[in-house]
Amino acid sequence: MANQNLNYFIDVCLLILFIINIIAAYARWRDIHELTGNILIILLLIHLSLHWRWFVAATKNLFYRQN
């Protein structure tokens, strides 16, 4: 259950940061855009590490399909 809560928290943070990042890019707030972009990258790497087994399985199915 704790892993599910962590995943939900990271997903919500990613969504909020993504929206802020887009707004900052259009408003030309470079410092905020760079900061949120860096945090987004870190959270995306954490998100990917939490779902690594699924990512590997999905990639295997994509590249090694049998007829």
N, C-alpha and C. Protein backbone atom coordinates (compact mmCIF):
# COMPACT_ATOMS: atom_id res chain seq x y z
N MET A 1 0.82 -1.19 0.00
CA MET A 1 0.00 0.00 0.00
C MET A 1 0.87 1.26 0.00
N ALA A 2 1.99 1.21 0.70
CA ALA A 2 2.86 2.39 0.76
C ALA A 2 3.45 2.69 -0.61
N ASN A 3 3.78 1.64 -1.37
CA ASN A 3 4.32 1.82 -2.71
C ASN A 3 3.28 2.46 -3.63
N GLN A 4 2.03 2.06 -3.46
CA GLN A 4 0.94 2.63 -4.26
C GLN A 4 0.76 4.11 -3.93
N ASN A 5 0.84 4.47 -2.66
CA ASN A 5 0.72 5.87 -2.26
C ASN A 5 1.88 6.69 -2.79
N LEU A 6 3.08 6.13 -2.74
CA LEU A 6 4.25 6.82 -3.28
C LEU A 6 4.10 7.05 -4.78
N ASN A 7 3.64 6.04 -5.49
CA ASN A 7 3.43 6.16 -6.93
C ASN A 7 2.39 7.24 -7.24
N TYR A 8 1.30 7.25 -6.50
CA TYR A 8 0.26 8.26 -6.70
C TYR A 8 0.81 9.66 -6.44
N PHE A 9 1.57 9.82 -5.37
CA PHE A 9 2.17 11.12 -5.04
C PHE A 9 3.11 11.59 -6.14
N ILE A 10 3.94 10.69 -6.65
CA ILE A 10 4.87 11.05 -7.72
C ILE A 10 4.11 11.42 -8.98
N ASP A 11 3.05 10.67 -9.31
CA ASP A 11 2.26 10.98 -10.50
C ASP A 11 1.60 12.35 -10.40
N VAL A 12 1.06 12.67 -9.24
CA VAL A 12 0.43 13.98 -9.05
C VAL A 12 1.47 15.09 -9.15
N CYS A 13 2.62 14.89 -8.54
CA CYS A 13 3.70 15.89 -8.62
C CYS A 13 4.16 16.07 -10.06
N LEU A 14 4.28 14.98 -10.81
CA LEU A 14 4.67 15.08 -12.21
C LEU A 14 3.66 15.90 -13.01
N LEU A 15 2.39 15.66 -12.78
CA LEU A 15 1.36 16.41 -13.49
C LEU A 15 1.41 17.89 -13.16
N ILE A 16 1.51 18.22 -11.89
CA ILE A 16 1.56 19.63 -11.47
C ILE A 16 2.80 20.31 -12.02
N LEU A 17 3.95 19.66 -11.91
CA LEU A 17 5.19 20.24 -12.42
C LEU A 17 5.16 20.40 -13.94
N PHE A 18 4.55 19.45 -14.62
CA PHE A 18 4.44 19.53 -16.08
C PHE A 18 3.61 20.75 -16.49
N ILE A 19 2.51 20.97 -15.80
CA ILE A 19 1.66 22.13 -16.10
C ILE A 19 2.40 23.43 -15.81
N ILE A 20 3.08 23.49 -14.66
CA ILE A 20 3.86 24.69 -14.32
C ILE A 20 4.96 24.92 -15.35
N ASN A 21 5.59 23.85 -15.78
CA ASN A 21 6.67 23.95 -16.76
C ASN A 21 6.16 24.53 -18.08
N ILE A 22 5.01 24.08 -18.53
CA ILE A 22 4.43 24.61 -19.77
C ILE A 22 4.07 26.07 -19.62
N ILE A 23 3.44 26.43 -18.51
CA ILE A 23 3.06 27.83 -18.29
C ILE A 23 4.30 28.70 -18.21
N ALA A 24 5.33 28.24 -17.52
CA ALA A 24 6.56 29.02 -17.39
C ALA A 24 7.24 29.20 -18.74
N ALA A 25 7.14 28.22 -19.61
CA ALA A 25 7.75 28.34 -20.94
C ALA A 25 7.04 29.40 -21.77
N TYR A 26 5.71 29.41 -21.71
CA TYR A 26 4.96 30.39 -22.48
C TYR A 26 5.11 31.79 -21.91
N ALA A 27 5.23 31.88 -20.59
CA ALA A 27 5.36 33.19 -19.94
C ALA A 27 6.81 33.68 -19.94
N ARG A 28 7.71 32.83 -20.43
CA ARG A 28 9.14 33.15 -20.52
C ARG A 28 9.77 33.39 -19.15
N TRP A 29 9.37 32.58 -18.18
CA TRP A 29 10.01 32.58 -16.87
C TRP A 29 11.07 31.50 -16.90
N ARG A 30 12.23 31.85 -17.39
CA ARG A 30 13.27 30.86 -17.66
C ARG A 30 13.73 30.12 -16.41
N ASP A 31 13.92 30.84 -15.31
CA ASP A 31 14.40 30.18 -14.08
C ASP A 31 13.41 29.14 -13.57
N ILE A 32 12.14 29.49 -13.56
CA ILE A 32 11.11 28.55 -13.10
C ILE A 32 11.01 27.37 -14.07
N HIS A 33 11.10 27.66 -15.36
CA HIS A 33 11.03 26.62 -16.38
C HIS A 33 12.19 25.62 -16.21
N GLU A 34 13.39 26.12 -15.99
CA GLU A 34 14.54 25.24 -15.81
C GLU A 34 14.44 24.44 -14.52
N LEU A 35 14.01 25.08 -13.44
CA LEU A 35 13.88 24.39 -12.16
C LEU A 35 12.85 23.27 -12.24
N THR A 36 11.66 23.58 -12.76
CA THR A 36 10.63 22.54 -12.85
C THR A 36 11.04 21.45 -13.84
N GLY A 37 11.77 21.81 -14.88
CA GLY A 37 12.26 20.81 -15.82
C GLY A 37 13.23 19.84 -15.16
N ASN A 38 14.14 20.37 -14.35
CA ASN A 38 15.10 19.50 -13.65
C ASN A 38 14.40 18.59 -12.64
N ILE A 39 13.44 19.13 -11.92
CA ILE A 39 12.69 18.30 -10.97
C ILE A 39 11.88 17.24 -11.71
N LEU A 40 11.31 17.62 -12.85
CA LEU A 40 10.57 16.65 -13.67
C LEU A 40 11.45 15.48 -14.09
N ILE A 41 12.66 15.76 -14.52
CA ILE A 41 13.57 14.70 -14.94
C ILE A 41 13.87 13.76 -13.78
N ILE A 42 14.12 14.31 -12.61
CA ILE A 42 14.41 13.48 -11.43
C ILE A 42 13.21 12.61 -11.08
N LEU A 43 12.01 13.21 -11.05
CA LEU A 43 10.82 12.44 -10.72
C LEU A 43 10.50 11.40 -11.80
N LEU A 44 10.76 11.72 -13.06
CA LEU A 44 10.55 10.74 -14.12
C LEU A 44 11.48 9.54 -13.97
N LEU A 45 12.72 9.78 -13.56
CA LEU A 45 13.65 8.68 -13.33
C LEU A 45 13.19 7.82 -12.15
N ILE A 46 12.69 8.46 -11.11
CA ILE A 46 12.16 7.70 -9.96
C ILE A 46 10.94 6.89 -10.40
N HIS A 47 10.06 7.52 -11.18
CA HIS A 47 8.87 6.84 -11.69
C HIS A 47 9.26 5.63 -12.54
N LEU A 48 10.24 5.81 -13.40
CA LEU A 48 10.70 4.72 -14.24
C LEU A 48 11.31 3.59 -13.40
N SER A 49 12.05 3.94 -12.37
CA SER A 49 12.64 2.90 -11.52
C SER A 49 11.57 2.13 -10.75
N LEU A 50 10.48 2.79 -10.38
CA LEU A 50 9.39 2.10 -9.69
C LEU A 50 8.66 1.12 -10.62
N HIS A 51 8.67 1.41 -11.91
CA HIS A 51 7.95 0.58 -12.87
C HIS A 51 8.91 -0.15 -13.81
N TRP A 52 10.12 -0.39 -13.38
CA TRP A 52 11.15 -0.96 -14.24
C TRP A 52 10.76 -2.34 -14.78
N ARG A 53 10.20 -3.20 -13.93
CA ARG A 53 9.83 -4.55 -14.38
C ARG A 53 8.77 -4.49 -15.48
N TRP A 54 7.79 -3.60 -15.33
CA TRP A 54 6.78 -3.45 -16.37
C TRP A 54 7.41 -2.92 -17.66
N PHE A 55 8.30 -1.96 -17.53
CA PHE A 55 8.96 -1.37 -18.70
C PHE A 55 9.75 -2.42 -19.48
N VAL A 56 10.48 -3.26 -18.76
CA VAL A 56 11.26 -4.32 -19.41
C VAL A 56 10.33 -5.32 -20.10
N ALA A 57 9.26 -5.72 -19.42
CA ALA A 57 8.32 -6.68 -20.00
C ALA A 57 7.64 -6.11 -21.23
N ALA A 58 7.22 -4.86 -21.18
CA ALA A 58 6.56 -4.23 -22.32
C ALA A 58 7.52 -4.08 -23.49
N THR A 59 8.75 -3.76 -23.21
CA THR A 59 9.75 -3.61 -24.26
C THR A 59 10.06 -4.96 -24.90
N LYS A 60 10.16 -6.00 -24.09
CA LYS A 60 10.41 -7.34 -24.65
C LYS A 60 9.27 -7.74 -25.57
N ASN A 61 8.04 -7.51 -25.14
CA ASN A 61 6.89 -7.87 -25.97
C ASN A 61 6.86 -7.05 -27.26
N LEU A 62 7.34 -5.85 -27.21
CA LEU A 62 7.33 -4.99 -28.39
C LEU A 62 8.35 -5.44 -29.42
N PHE A 63 9.54 -5.81 -28.97
CA PHE A 63 10.62 -6.13 -29.89
C PHE A 63 10.74 -7.61 -30.23
N TYR A 64 10.20 -8.49 -29.40
CA TYR A 64 10.38 -9.92 -29.61
C TYR A 64 9.04 -10.63 -29.83
N ARG A 65 8.18 -10.05 -30.63
CA ARG A 65 6.90 -10.70 -30.92
C ARG A 65 7.12 -11.90 -31.82
N GLN A 66 6.38 -12.94 -31.53
CA GLN A 66 6.46 -14.14 -32.36
C GLN A 66 5.22 -14.19 -33.24
N ASN A 67 5.39 -14.71 -34.44
CA ASN A 67 4.26 -14.79 -35.39
C ASN A 67 3.40 -15.99 -35.12
